[in-house]
C-alpha atoms as a PDB file:
ATOM      1  CA  MET A   1      84.799 134.609-139.935  1.00  0.00           C
ATOM      2  CA  GLU A   2      85.081 135.510-136.276  1.00  0.00           C
ATOM      3  CA  LYS A   3      82.038 136.813-134.434  1.00  0.00           C
ATOM      4  CA  LEU A   4      81.939 140.569-134.012  1.00  0.00           C
ATOM      5  CA  ASP A   5      81.013 142.204-130.718  1.00  0.00           C
ATOM      6  CA  LYS A   6      78.258 144.846-130.547  1.00  0.00           C
ATOM      7  CA  GLU A   7      80.627 147.786-131.029  1.00  0.00           C
ATOM      8  CA  GLU A   8      82.258 146.159-134.056  1.00  0.00           C
ATOM      9  CA  LEU A   9      78.842 145.369-135.544  1.00  0.00           C
ATOM     10  CA  ASP A  10      77.742 148.983-135.032  1.00  0.00           C
ATOM     11  CA  ILE A  11      80.849 150.196-136.875  1.00  0.00           C
ATOM     12  CA  LEU A  12      80.356 147.700-139.697  1.00  0.00           C
ATOM     13  CA  ASN A  13      76.680 148.612-140.080  1.00  0.00           C
ATOM     14  CA  SER A  14      77.529 152.314-140.086  1.00  0.00           C
ATOM     15  CA  PHE A  15      80.124 151.731-142.801  1.00  0.00           C
ATOM     16  CA  GLU A  16      77.699 149.675-144.876  1.00  0.00           C
ATOM     17  CA  ARG A  17      75.083 152.463-144.600  1.00  0.00           C
ATOM     18  CA  ASP A  18      77.693 154.719-146.216  1.00  0.00           C
ATOM     19  CA  GLU A  19      77.834 157.023-143.186  1.00  0.00           C
ATOM     20  CA  TRP A  20      81.628 157.397-143.329  1.00  0.00           C
ATOM     21  CA  GLN A  21      83.278 160.294-145.111  1.00  0.00           C
ATOM     22  CA  SER A  22      86.853 160.894-146.196  1.00  0.00           C
ATOM     23  CA  VAL A  23      88.816 163.527-144.316  1.00  0.00           C
ATOM     24  CA  GLN A  24      89.386 166.577-146.502  1.00  0.00           C
ATOM     25  CA  ASN A  25      92.686 167.783-145.039  1.00  0.00           C
ATOM     26  CA  LYS A  26      94.318 164.570-143.842  1.00  0.00           C
ATOM     27  CA  ASP A  27      97.641 166.172-142.819  1.00  0.00           C
ATOM     28  CA  ASN A  28      95.934 168.840-140.699  1.00  0.00           C
ATOM     29  CA  GLU A  29      93.632 166.267-139.118  1.00  0.00           C
ATOM     30  CA  PHE A  30      96.609 164.022-138.343  1.00  0.00           C
ATOM     31  CA  MET A  31      98.433 166.937-136.679  1.00  0.00           C
ATOM     32  CA  ASN A  32      95.364 167.735-134.565  1.00  0.00           C
ATOM     33  CA  HIS A  33      95.139 164.169-133.320  1.00  0.00           C
ATOM     34  CA  GLN A  34      98.856 164.106-132.554  1.00  0.00           C
ATOM     35  CA  GLN A  35      98.332 167.186-130.360  1.00  0.00           C
ATOM     36  CA  TYR A  36      95.370 165.525-128.627  1.00  0.00           C
ATOM     37  CA  ALA A  37      97.469 162.433-127.906  1.00  0.00           C
ATOM     38  CA  THR A  38     100.376 164.497-126.606  1.00  0.00           C
ATOM     39  CA  ALA A  39      98.086 166.453-124.283  1.00  0.00           C
ATOM     40  CA  THR A  40      96.483 163.236-123.046  1.00  0.00           C
ATOM     41  CA  LEU A  41      99.852 161.690-122.233  1.00  0.00           C
ATOM     42  CA  GLN A  42     101.055 164.590-120.080  1.00  0.00           C
ATOM     43  CA  PRO A  43     102.027 163.586-116.524  1.00  0.00           C
ATOM     44  CA  ASP A  44      99.142 163.484-114.084  1.00  0.00           C
ATOM     45  CA  GLN A  45      98.709 166.302-111.629  1.00  0.00           C
ATOM     46  CA  ARG A  46      97.266 165.905-108.185  1.00  0.00           C
ATOM     47  CA  VAL A  47      93.898 167.531-107.593  1.00  0.00           C
ATOM     48  CA  ASP A  48      92.103 167.592-104.264  1.00  0.00           C
ATOM     49  CA  ILE A  49      88.347 167.952-104.376  1.00  0.00           C
ATOM     50  CA  TYR A  50      85.629 167.879-101.784  1.00  0.00           C
ATOM     51  CA  LEU A  51      82.523 165.801-102.415  1.00  0.00           C
ATOM     52  CA  SER A  52      79.421 165.395-100.366  1.00  0.00           C
ATOM     53  CA  ILE A  53      79.142 161.949 -98.799  1.00  0.00           C
ATOM     54  CA  HIS A  54      76.145 161.334-101.074  1.00  0.00           C
ATOM     55  CA  ASP A  55      78.170 162.078-104.216  1.00  0.00           C
ATOM     56  CA  LEU A  56      81.120 160.006-102.980  1.00  0.00           C
ATOM     57  CA  LYS A  57      78.879 157.002-102.290  1.00  0.00           C
ATOM     58  CA  ALA A  58      77.271 157.364-105.728  1.00  0.00           C
ATOM     59  CA  LEU A  59      80.717 157.526-107.359  1.00  0.00           C
ATOM     60  CA  GLN A  60      81.851 154.436-105.440  1.00  0.00           C
ATOM     61  CA  GLN A  61      78.715 152.489-106.407  1.00  0.00           C
ATOM     62  CA  HIS A  62      79.120 153.446-110.055  1.00  0.00           C
ATOM     63  CA  ALA A  63      82.779 152.403-109.913  1.00  0.00           C
ATOM     64  CA  VAL A  64      81.870 148.983-108.512  1.00  0.00           C
ATOM     65  CA  ALA A  65      79.352 148.498-111.330  1.00  0.00           C
ATOM     66  CA  GLU A  66      82.057 149.402-113.878  1.00  0.00           C
ATOM     67  CA  GLY A  67      84.661 147.200-112.194  1.00  0.00           C
ATOM     68  CA  LEU A  68      86.949 150.145-111.423  1.00  0.00           C
ATOM     69  CA  SER A  69      88.224 151.919-108.354  1.00  0.00           C
ATOM     70  CA  TYR A  70      86.366 155.148-107.697  1.00  0.00           C
ATOM     71  CA  GLN A  71      89.617 157.076-108.205  1.00  0.00           C
ATOM     72  CA  ALA A  72      90.093 155.517-111.654  1.00  0.00           C
ATOM     73  CA  LEU A  73      86.471 156.216-112.547  1.00  0.00           C
ATOM     74  CA  ALA A  74      86.836 159.861-111.501  1.00  0.00           C
ATOM     75  CA  GLN A  75      89.911 160.146-113.739  1.00  0.00           C
ATOM     76  CA  CYS A  76      87.970 158.741-116.713  1.00  0.00           C
ATOM     77  CA  HIS A  77      85.325 161.420-116.549  1.00  0.00           C
END
């Protein structure tokens, strides 16, 4: 058996604690998630924002720690 990472272990432990529940209306739930995915995949729009130099520096430092560009990090949040 392959080793599981922390996230996979958390999921496995949650499942073994019987914390998972079946979805009552699977078709409706599936449709909802299809709509979420469609909305997420819409073309990006340009947005210009103004940040204080303090906030910009904090964003850039956080991005470096995450291994991302600050623009990519801003898009994630």
